[in-house]
């Protein structure tokens, strides 16, 4: 990894700190993730995309509580 120093505005830092805390990662990791999102194509962009996808796991609730048990029935209700 290459070390660098950047300057951010007070507002940006106020947004970075809680995001890093929410995700349980260092501020530097939030910045790296943002770079991968804005400047795609780097060697780590595939890994970053995978890690972002993993963050979605378990974050949503259907409210029904039985989707796993009724997935065939529910999928049949959807018209493609």
C-alpha atoms as a PDB file:
ATOM      1  CA  UNK A   1       0.000   0.000   0.000  1.00  0.00           C
ATOM      2  CA  UNK A   2       1.170   3.516  -0.769  1.00  0.00           C
ATOM      3  CA  UNK A   3       0.902   6.121   1.975  1.00  0.00           C
ATOM      4  CA  UNK A   4      -0.328   9.577   1.054  1.00  0.00           C
ATOM      5  CA  UNK A   5      -1.620  12.646   2.788  1.00  0.00           C
ATOM      6  CA  UNK A   6      -4.838  14.364   1.751  1.00  0.00           C
ATOM      7  CA  UNK A   7      -6.749  17.367   2.993  1.00  0.00           C
ATOM      8  CA  UNK A   8     -10.506  17.295   3.418  1.00  0.00           C
ATOM      9  CA  UNK A   9     -12.947  19.967   4.472  1.00  0.00           C
ATOM     10  CA  UNK A  10     -14.414  19.973   7.963  1.00  0.00           C
ATOM     11  CA  UNK A  11     -17.760  18.944   6.451  1.00  0.00           C
ATOM     12  CA  UNK A  12     -16.169  15.992   4.647  1.00  0.00           C
ATOM     13  CA  UNK A  13     -14.477  14.833   7.843  1.00  0.00           C
ATOM     14  CA  UNK A  14     -17.766  15.128   9.722  1.00  0.00           C
ATOM     15  CA  UNK A  15     -19.254  12.746   7.144  1.00  0.00           C
ATOM     16  CA  UNK A  16     -16.251  10.403   7.049  1.00  0.00           C
ATOM     17  CA  UNK A  17     -16.009   9.760  10.800  1.00  0.00           C
ATOM     18  CA  UNK A  18     -19.524   8.412  11.375  1.00  0.00           C
ATOM     19  CA  UNK A  19     -19.394   6.389   8.145  1.00  0.00           C
ATOM     20  CA  UNK A  20     -16.163   4.738   9.229  1.00  0.00           C
ATOM     21  CA  UNK A  21     -17.598   4.110  12.691  1.00  0.00           C
ATOM     22  CA  UNK A  22     -20.839   2.679  11.224  1.00  0.00           C
ATOM     23  CA  UNK A  23     -18.889   0.300   8.991  1.00  0.00           C
ATOM     24  CA  UNK A  24     -16.304  -0.533  11.662  1.00  0.00           C
ATOM     25  CA  UNK A  25     -13.379   0.395   9.411  1.00  0.00           C
ATOM     26  CA  UNK A  26     -10.712   3.123   9.391  1.00  0.00           C
ATOM     27  CA  UNK A  27     -11.377   6.437   7.671  1.00  0.00           C
ATOM     28  CA  UNK A  28      -8.629   5.521   5.180  1.00  0.00           C
ATOM     29  CA  UNK A  29     -10.656   2.458   4.115  1.00  0.00           C
ATOM     30  CA  UNK A  30     -13.717   4.651   3.510  1.00  0.00           C
ATOM     31  CA  UNK A  31     -11.584   6.954   1.348  1.00  0.00           C
ATOM     32  CA  UNK A  32     -10.126   3.974  -0.593  1.00  0.00           C
ATOM     33  CA  UNK A  33     -13.636   2.647  -1.182  1.00  0.00           C
ATOM     34  CA  UNK A  34     -14.741   6.065  -2.456  1.00  0.00           C
ATOM     35  CA  UNK A  35     -11.770   6.195  -4.849  1.00  0.00           C
ATOM     36  CA  UNK A  36     -12.637   2.734  -6.184  1.00  0.00           C
ATOM     37  CA  UNK A  37     -16.215   3.845  -6.789  1.00  0.00           C
ATOM     38  CA  UNK A  38     -15.303   7.075  -8.567  1.00  0.00           C
ATOM     39  CA  UNK A  39     -12.196   5.903 -10.428  1.00  0.00           C
ATOM     40  CA  UNK A  40     -13.041   2.352 -11.545  1.00  0.00           C
ATOM     41  CA  UNK A  41     -10.746  -0.139 -13.203  1.00  0.00           C
ATOM     42  CA  UNK A  42      -8.037  -0.474 -10.589  1.00  0.00           C
ATOM     43  CA  UNK A  43      -6.651  -3.808  -9.481  1.00  0.00           C
ATOM     44  CA  UNK A  44      -8.745  -3.660  -6.308  1.00  0.00           C
ATOM     45  CA  UNK A  45     -12.017  -2.518  -7.884  1.00  0.00           C
ATOM     46  CA  UNK A  46     -13.327  -6.095  -8.201  1.00  0.00           C
ATOM     47  CA  UNK A  47     -12.467  -6.800  -4.564  1.00  0.00           C
ATOM     48  CA  UNK A  48     -14.049  -3.504  -3.504  1.00  0.00           C
ATOM     49  CA  UNK A  49     -17.238  -4.358  -5.404  1.00  0.00           C
ATOM     50  CA  UNK A  50     -17.344  -7.753  -3.684  1.00  0.00           C
ATOM     51  CA  UNK A  51     -16.860  -6.154  -0.267  1.00  0.00           C
ATOM     52  CA  UNK A  52     -19.637  -3.614  -0.973  1.00  0.00           C
ATOM     53  CA  UNK A  53     -21.947  -6.466  -1.998  1.00  0.00           C
ATOM     54  CA  UNK A  54     -21.205  -8.257   1.275  1.00  0.00           C
ATOM     55  CA  UNK A  55     -22.243  -5.137   3.194  1.00  0.00           C
ATOM     56  CA  UNK A  56     -25.777  -5.599   1.833  1.00  0.00           C
ATOM     57  CA  UNK A  57     -26.134  -9.106   3.261  1.00  0.00           C
ATOM     58  CA  UNK A  58     -28.714  -9.164   6.019  1.00  0.00           C
ATOM     59  CA  UNK A  59     -29.425  -5.422   5.896  1.00  0.00           C
ATOM     60  CA  UNK A  60     -32.965  -5.636   4.584  1.00  0.00           C
ATOM     61  CA  UNK A  61     -36.138  -7.032   6.076  1.00  0.00           C
ATOM     62  CA  UNK A  62     -39.150  -8.115   4.042  1.00  0.00           C
ATOM     63  CA  UNK A  63     -41.360  -7.763   7.075  1.00  0.00           C
ATOM     64  CA  UNK A  64     -42.928 -11.169   6.460  1.00  0.00           C
ATOM     65  CA  UNK A  65     -40.410 -13.261   8.367  1.00  0.00           C
ATOM     66  CA  UNK A  66     -40.989 -16.343   6.216  1.00  0.00           C
ATOM     67  CA  UNK A  67     -39.476 -15.467   2.835  1.00  0.00           C
ATOM     68  CA  UNK A  68     -36.892 -18.259   3.016  1.00  0.00           C
ATOM     69  CA  UNK A  69     -39.571 -20.853   3.665  1.00  0.00           C
ATOM     70  CA  UNK A  70     -41.960 -19.469   1.007  1.00  0.00           C
ATOM     71  CA  UNK A  71     -39.464 -18.390  -1.674  1.00  0.00           C
ATOM     72  CA  UNK A  72     -40.992 -20.591  -4.422  1.00  0.00           C
ATOM     73  CA  UNK A  73     -44.461 -19.279  -3.717  1.00  0.00           C
ATOM     74  CA  UNK A  74     -43.295 -15.665  -3.558  1.00  0.00           C
ATOM     75  CA  UNK A  75     -41.198 -15.940  -6.724  1.00  0.00           C
ATOM     76  CA  UNK A  76     -44.232 -17.392  -8.511  1.00  0.00           C
ATOM     77  CA  UNK A  77     -46.201 -14.238  -7.660  1.00  0.00           C
ATOM     78  CA  UNK A  78     -43.746 -12.075  -9.591  1.00  0.00           C
ATOM     79  CA  UNK A  79     -44.438 -11.579 -13.268  1.00  0.00           C
ATOM     80  CA  UNK A  80     -41.292 -11.238 -15.357  1.00  0.00           C
END
